[in-house]
Protein backbone atom coordinates (compact mmCIF):
# COMPACT_ATOMS: atom_id res chain seq x y z
CA MET A 1 162.46 5.49 164.61
CA GLU A 2 165.55 3.50 163.93
CA ASN A 3 163.88 0.28 162.70
CA GLU A 4 161.78 1.91 159.94
CA MET A 5 162.44 0.31 156.58
CA PRO A 6 160.61 0.28 153.26
CA HIS A 7 158.21 -2.59 152.73
CA PHE A 8 158.78 -4.39 149.44
CA SER A 9 156.46 -6.96 147.92
CA ASN A 10 155.97 -8.96 144.74
CA LYS A 11 152.24 -8.14 144.64
CA VAL A 12 150.60 -5.05 143.23
CA PRO A 13 148.02 -3.66 145.69
CA ASP A 14 144.38 -4.36 144.87
CA ASP A 15 143.56 -0.64 144.67
CA ALA A 16 145.82 -0.35 141.61
CA SER A 17 143.00 -2.02 139.64
CA SER A 18 140.92 1.14 140.09
CA ALA A 19 143.31 3.11 137.91
CA PRO A 20 141.52 4.72 134.95
CA PHE A 21 141.39 2.89 131.64
CA ASP A 22 142.61 4.60 128.49
CA LEU A 23 140.14 4.85 125.62
CA LYS A 24 141.80 3.93 122.32
CA ARG A 25 140.64 4.25 118.75
CA THR A 26 142.14 2.81 115.58
CA PRO A 27 145.06 5.07 114.62
CA THR A 28 145.60 6.48 111.13
CA ALA A 29 148.90 4.61 110.87
CA GLY A 30 149.59 1.54 112.95
CA GLN A 31 147.14 -0.79 114.60
CA VAL A 32 145.34 -1.77 117.78
CA THR A 33 145.86 -5.38 118.80
CA GLY A 34 144.77 -7.34 121.81
CA TYR A 35 142.60 -9.98 123.39
CA VAL A 36 139.02 -9.00 124.16
CA THR A 37 138.32 -9.20 127.90
CA SER A 38 134.64 -8.20 127.78
CA HIS A 39 132.03 -10.83 127.03
CA ASP A 40 130.00 -8.68 124.65
CA LEU A 41 129.90 -5.42 122.73
CA LEU A 42 128.42 -2.28 124.24
CA THR A 43 126.83 0.16 121.77
CA CYS A 44 125.81 3.77 122.20
CA ARG A 45 124.51 6.44 119.85
CA THR A 46 126.85 9.42 120.02
CA HIS A 47 127.26 12.95 118.71
CA PHE A 48 130.47 14.74 117.83
CA ALA A 49 129.86 18.25 119.15
CA ASN A 50 132.06 20.92 120.69
CA ASN A 51 135.14 18.97 119.61
CA ARG A 52 134.28 15.83 121.60
CA THR A 53 132.16 12.69 121.42
CA SER A 54 129.10 12.77 123.69
CA PRO A 55 126.27 10.26 124.11
CA CYS A 56 122.86 10.83 122.59
CA GLU A 57 120.90 11.09 125.83
CA SER A 58 117.35 10.52 124.62
CA PRO A 59 115.52 7.62 122.98
CA ASP A 60 114.04 10.03 120.45
CA TYR A 61 115.79 13.38 120.21
CA CYS A 62 118.21 14.88 122.72
CA LYS A 63 119.40 18.48 122.94
CA LEU A 64 122.26 17.82 120.49
CA CYS A 65 119.81 16.16 118.05
CA GLU A 66 117.61 19.26 118.25
CA GLU A 67 120.65 21.45 117.57
CA GLY A 68 121.23 19.51 114.34
CA PHE A 69 124.23 17.39 115.34
CA ALA A 70 124.16 14.05 113.52
CA TRP A 71 124.47 10.87 115.55
CA ARG A 72 126.28 7.64 114.87
CA THR A 73 126.53 4.40 116.79
CA HIS A 74 129.83 3.66 118.48
CA VAL A 75 130.85 0.27 119.83
CA TYR A 76 132.89 -0.24 123.01
CA LEU A 77 134.72 -3.24 124.40
CA SER A 78 137.73 -3.89 126.63
CA LEU A 79 141.03 -5.31 125.40
CA VAL A 80 144.35 -6.31 126.88
CA ASP A 81 147.36 -5.49 124.65
CA PHE A 82 149.42 -8.46 123.36
CA ARG A 83 152.76 -6.83 124.08
CA THR A 84 152.34 -4.44 127.00
CA PHE A 85 149.51 -6.22 128.86
CA GLU A 86 147.78 -2.85 129.19
CA HIS A 87 144.04 -3.23 129.82
CA PHE A 88 142.09 -0.53 127.95
CA LEU A 89 138.78 0.42 126.36
CA PHE A 90 138.46 0.28 122.58
CA GLU A 91 136.02 2.39 120.57
CA THR A 92 135.06 1.65 117.00
CA THR A 93 132.22 2.27 114.58
CA ALA A 94 129.17 0.06 114.22
CA LYS A 95 130.10 -0.81 110.63
CA ALA A 96 133.64 -1.82 111.58
CA SER A 97 132.36 -4.01 114.41
CA ALA A 98 130.61 -6.48 112.08
CA PRO A 99 133.40 -9.12 112.42
CA LEU A 100 133.09 -8.88 116.21
CA ALA A 101 129.33 -9.44 116.10
CA LEU A 102 129.88 -12.44 113.81
CA TYR A 103 132.55 -13.85 116.14
CA ARG A 104 130.17 -13.49 119.10
CA GLN A 105 127.38 -15.18 117.12
CA PHE A 106 129.54 -18.23 116.39
CA ASN A 107 131.37 -18.44 119.73
CA GLY A 108 128.78 -17.21 122.22
CA SER A 109 131.14 -14.60 123.69
CA LEU A 110 133.85 -12.19 122.60
CA ARG A 111 136.07 -12.93 125.60
CA GLY A 112 139.45 -14.21 124.43
CA CYS A 113 138.96 -13.12 120.81
CA ALA A 114 142.23 -11.83 119.36
CA ILE A 115 141.70 -8.69 117.27
CA ARG A 116 143.71 -6.47 114.99
CA ALA A 117 142.20 -3.10 113.98
CA THR A 118 143.76 -1.01 111.19
CA ARG A 119 142.90 1.73 108.70
CA PRO A 120 144.05 0.23 105.38
CA SER A 121 143.97 3.60 103.58
CA GLY A 122 146.21 5.23 106.20
CA MET A 123 143.92 8.27 106.02
CA PRO A 124 142.44 10.12 109.00
CA ASN A 125 138.88 8.87 109.50
CA GLY A 126 139.53 6.16 106.89
CA ARG A 127 137.53 2.94 106.94
CA ILE A 128 138.43 0.62 109.84
CA ARG A 129 139.15 -3.05 109.26
CA ILE A 130 138.91 -5.45 112.21
CA GLU A 131 140.33 -8.96 111.91
CA THR A 132 139.45 -11.60 114.52
CA LYS A 133 141.16 -14.81 115.51
CA GLN A 134 139.78 -17.48 117.80
CA SER A 135 141.64 -18.39 120.98
CA ASP A 136 140.84 -20.26 124.19
CA PRO A 137 140.08 -17.71 126.94
CA ASN A 138 140.64 -20.42 129.57
CA LYS A 139 144.32 -20.61 128.59
CA LEU A 140 144.92 -16.85 128.44
CA ARG A 141 144.47 -15.80 132.10
CA LEU A 142 142.65 -12.66 131.05
CA PRO A 143 141.87 -9.96 133.62
CA ALA A 144 138.26 -9.48 134.68
CA PRO A 145 136.37 -7.17 132.32
CA PRO A 146 135.71 -3.65 133.58
CA ASN A 147 132.28 -2.06 133.91
CA ILE A 148 132.36 -0.32 130.52
CA GLU A 149 129.11 1.57 131.12
CA LYS A 150 130.51 3.07 134.31
CA LEU A 151 133.84 3.96 132.67
CA MET A 152 132.15 5.62 129.69
CA CYS A 153 129.90 7.62 132.01
CA HIS A 154 133.05 8.77 133.83
CA ILE A 155 134.67 9.79 130.52
CA TRP A 156 131.50 11.64 129.48
CA ASN A 157 131.16 13.24 132.91
CA ILE A 158 127.77 11.63 133.56
CA PRO A 159 127.18 10.72 137.22
CA TYR A 160 126.79 6.95 137.07
CA GLU A 161 125.68 6.31 140.65
CA GLU A 162 122.97 8.98 140.62
CA LYS A 163 121.16 7.57 137.62
CA THR A 164 118.99 4.50 137.69
CA HIS A 165 120.28 1.49 135.82
CA ALA A 166 117.38 1.81 133.38
CA ARG A 167 118.46 5.38 132.52
CA ILE A 168 122.06 4.29 131.92
CA ALA A 169 120.87 1.30 129.92
CA ASP A 170 118.87 3.71 127.76
CA LEU A 171 122.12 5.40 126.66
CA PHE A 172 123.72 2.12 125.69
CA ARG A 173 121.12 0.71 123.38
CA PRO A 174 121.08 -0.20 119.72
CA PRO A 175 118.84 1.94 117.53
CA PRO A 176 115.44 0.38 116.88
CA PRO A 177 115.44 -1.81 113.75
CA ASP A 178 112.78 0.33 112.07
CA GLU A 179 114.95 3.47 112.18
CA ALA A 180 116.90 4.32 109.06
CA THR A 181 119.31 7.18 108.59
CA ASN A 182 120.14 9.41 105.68
CA GLY A 183 123.80 8.41 105.94
CA ASN A 184 124.87 11.02 108.46
CA GLY A 185 122.88 9.86 111.46
CA ARG A 186 119.76 11.97 111.00
CA LEU A 187 116.65 9.88 111.35
CA LEU A 188 114.28 9.40 108.48
CA ARG A 189 110.92 8.83 110.12
CA GLY A 190 108.12 7.57 107.94
CA GLU A 191 110.29 7.71 104.81
CA ASN A 192 111.84 4.97 102.77
CA PRO A 193 115.45 4.31 103.78
CA PRO A 194 118.12 5.25 101.24
CA ASN A 195 119.42 2.54 98.91
CA PRO A 196 123.03 1.57 99.74
């Protein structure tokens, strides 16, 4: 066909938005910066087993709990990078997320919050520090937040569509307030919590 020519456009096709999101954690050296695109935090108890992070899949004890793997709560949110405009998922620890929870408490939403996450010690697995700065999300033209639950289920190889929403919601829940841990995620039931 002699009239065939490439079709050029200034618009990215809509299906490009279905590209997978990277999951980023605070690096040993350097930082993670961006504007939060999600409205709220998403928490999930997780285990580190078989060289990967997996969700704790039971309200009480899951198979990994029974095998003695400690759990810890991880926090997930979506960010868009200041410089590259990359939209990605960010994972941090529950303790490090305290400034985010405070920001949400005072502002009603995390959307538009500027954050900077670092490890001041520069050590692997060193304490994470998150700094927040208020901005006006209406002036930022932020992309729509992704379905973080669905993306995390994809990363963890859990069929999202086959599970009821209640089952998925059970994964992403904060631990009950009456549960204390011995510092490594093992529950202390019916005992006094350790003094900090």
